[in-house]
Amino acid sequence: MRKLLFALLVSAGMMCHGQEYFRYVGGQKRVFEISETKFLVISDTLNSSDIKREMDRSPSSRVKNTYDLNNRLSVVEMQDANRSSVLDLQWQWSSKEDVSYTSPVFIDETGREIGGLTNQVIVRLKKNHTESK
C-alpha cells in the first residue's frame, strides 16, 4: 500500500513539473494547458476577500477578481497577465504561512477550465480487497 501511495505521489509530482500536462480518460490521452490568468489557493484561514486584500497591497500584483469555490479553496484571477507571471505569483503564494497549497488552473483543448491539483491523493481499494497493515 505504501509503495502504491509513493508511486502515485511521484507520478503526480512529475506531471506537475513536466512540460506537458495530461491524463488518460477512457484510454485516450487528454492534454491540458495552464491558464494564463487564474490559479487556486487552498487555505484554512484565508478566504477570497482576504487573499484579494493582501494581493492589492502589492503594486505589481493586478488582481481582477477572487472568489471562493468552497470554505478552503479560492480562485485568483489576474488581469493583463501571462502564464509566467501567474505561475510566479502562484509560487510566491505557495510559501505563505496561511496557505496550505496552490495550483495552476488547467484548461482542456476546447478552452474550458477543468480544475487544478490538490495536495491530497485519494486511493480506493477494489471491493474484494482489504487494506493490509
Protein backbone atom coordinates (compact mmCIF):
# COMPACT_ATOMS: atom_id res chain seq x y z
CA MET A 1 0.00 0.00 0.00
CA ARG A 2 2.83 2.40 0.87
CA LYS A 3 4.56 1.63 -2.44
CA LEU A 4 1.36 2.41 -4.34
CA LEU A 5 0.88 5.69 -2.49
CA PHE A 6 4.52 6.65 -3.10
CA ALA A 7 4.22 5.83 -6.81
CA LEU A 8 1.08 7.97 -7.09
CA LEU A 9 2.76 10.91 -5.35
CA VAL A 10 5.86 10.66 -7.55
CA SER A 11 3.82 10.44 -10.75
CA ALA A 12 1.65 13.40 -9.69
CA GLY A 13 4.77 15.41 -8.91
CA MET A 14 6.32 14.54 -12.26
CA MET A 15 3.15 15.59 -14.03
CA CYS A 16 3.23 18.97 -12.26
CA HIS A 17 6.80 19.78 -13.18
CA GLY A 18 6.86 18.38 -16.70
CA GLN A 19 6.25 20.35 -19.85
CA GLU A 20 3.09 18.51 -20.80
CA TYR A 21 0.04 18.21 -18.53
CA PHE A 22 -2.26 15.29 -19.30
CA ARG A 23 -4.41 12.47 -18.03
CA TYR A 24 -5.93 9.39 -19.59
CA VAL A 25 -9.72 9.18 -19.89
CA GLY A 26 -11.25 6.05 -21.38
CA GLY A 27 -7.82 5.00 -22.69
CA GLN A 28 -7.32 8.29 -24.54
CA LYS A 29 -4.71 10.86 -23.64
CA ARG A 30 -6.17 14.32 -22.89
CA VAL A 31 -3.66 17.18 -22.88
CA PHE A 32 -4.20 20.35 -20.82
CA GLU A 33 -2.73 23.83 -20.81
CA ILE A 34 -2.17 26.13 -17.84
CA SER A 35 -4.46 29.13 -17.52
CA GLU A 36 -2.80 32.44 -18.32
CA THR A 37 -4.99 34.29 -15.82
CA LYS A 38 -6.02 32.02 -12.91
CA PHE A 39 -4.63 29.89 -10.10
CA LEU A 40 -6.02 28.17 -6.98
CA VAL A 41 -5.20 28.86 -3.33
CA ILE A 42 -6.03 26.42 -0.52
CA SER A 43 -6.05 27.92 2.97
CA ASP A 44 -7.70 27.07 6.28
CA THR A 45 -7.63 30.70 7.44
CA LEU A 46 -7.88 32.94 4.33
CA ASN A 47 -10.96 33.38 2.19
CA SER A 48 -11.05 35.02 -1.25
CA SER A 49 -11.65 38.51 0.22
CA ASP A 50 -8.60 38.16 2.49
CA ILE A 51 -6.49 37.00 -0.46
CA LYS A 52 -7.61 39.88 -2.68
CA ARG A 53 -7.00 42.42 0.08
CA GLU A 54 -3.47 41.10 0.64
CA MET A 55 -2.70 40.96 -3.09
CA ASP A 56 -3.98 44.50 -3.63
CA ARG A 57 -1.30 45.75 -1.22
CA SER A 58 1.38 44.79 -3.72
CA PRO A 59 1.78 47.31 -6.57
CA SER A 60 2.98 44.64 -9.03
CA SER A 61 0.00 42.34 -8.46
CA ARG A 62 -3.01 43.19 -10.63
CA VAL A 63 -5.87 41.08 -9.31
CA LYS A 64 -9.05 41.19 -11.35
CA ASN A 65 -11.13 39.03 -9.03
CA THR A 66 -11.00 36.37 -6.34
CA TYR A 67 -13.81 34.01 -5.43
CA ASP A 68 -14.42 31.07 -3.12
CA LEU A 69 -15.12 27.62 -4.52
CA ASN A 70 -15.65 26.20 -1.04
CA ASN A 71 -14.63 27.07 2.51
CA ARG A 72 -10.92 26.34 1.87
CA LEU A 73 -10.44 26.79 -1.88
CA SER A 74 -10.24 30.15 -3.66
CA VAL A 75 -9.61 31.13 -7.28
CA VAL A 76 -7.43 34.13 -8.06
CA GLU A 77 -7.99 35.77 -11.44
CA MET A 78 -5.36 38.21 -12.72
CA GLN A 79 -5.81 40.95 -15.30
CA ASP A 80 -3.26 41.68 -18.02
CA ALA A 81 -1.26 38.60 -17.03
CA ASN A 82 0.58 35.85 -18.82
CA ARG A 83 1.33 32.25 -17.88
CA SER A 84 4.76 33.10 -16.48
CA SER A 85 3.54 35.92 -14.21
CA VAL A 86 0.62 33.83 -12.95
CA LEU A 87 2.93 30.89 -12.16
CA ASP A 88 5.38 33.25 -10.42
CA LEU A 89 2.62 34.68 -8.24
CA GLN A 90 1.27 31.21 -7.54
CA TRP A 91 4.76 30.12 -6.43
CA GLN A 92 5.08 33.18 -4.15
CA TRP A 93 1.74 32.40 -2.52
CA SER A 94 2.66 28.74 -2.00
CA SER A 95 5.30 29.79 0.54
CA LYS A 96 2.96 31.94 2.66
CA GLU A 97 2.30 30.74 6.20
CA ASP A 98 -1.51 30.80 5.88
CA VAL A 99 -1.54 28.94 2.56
CA SER A 100 -1.68 25.13 2.52
CA TYR A 101 -1.28 24.68 -1.22
CA THR A 102 -1.52 26.44 -4.59
CA SER A 103 -2.15 25.07 -8.07
CA PRO A 104 -2.47 26.37 -11.59
CA VAL A 105 -5.90 26.14 -13.21
CA PHE A 106 -5.87 23.72 -16.15
CA ILE A 107 -7.70 24.25 -19.45
CA ASP A 108 -8.70 21.50 -21.88
CA GLU A 109 -8.36 21.53 -25.67
CA THR A 110 -11.69 23.35 -26.05
CA GLY A 111 -10.62 26.20 -23.74
CA ARG A 112 -12.82 25.02 -20.86
CA GLU A 113 -11.39 25.33 -17.34
CA ILE A 114 -11.31 21.86 -15.83
CA GLY A 115 -9.75 22.43 -12.40
CA GLY A 116 -6.41 22.11 -10.68
CA LEU A 117 -4.38 19.83 -8.48
CA THR A 118 -4.76 19.41 -4.74
CA ASN A 119 -2.35 18.32 -2.04
CA GLN A 120 -4.33 15.13 -1.45
CA VAL A 121 -4.25 11.69 -3.03
CA ILE A 122 -7.36 9.51 -2.82
CA VAL A 123 -6.91 5.76 -3.08
CA ARG A 124 -9.85 3.39 -3.38
CA LEU A 125 -9.43 -0.35 -2.97
CA LYS A 126 -11.35 -2.85 -5.03
CA LYS A 127 -14.39 -4.28 -3.25
CA ASN A 128 -12.90 -7.76 -2.86
CA HIS A 129 -9.63 -6.49 -1.29
CA THR A 130 -8.90 -5.34 2.21
CA GLU A 131 -6.22 -3.00 3.49
CA SER A 132 -3.27 -4.87 4.99
CA LYS A 133 -1.03 -3.22 7.54
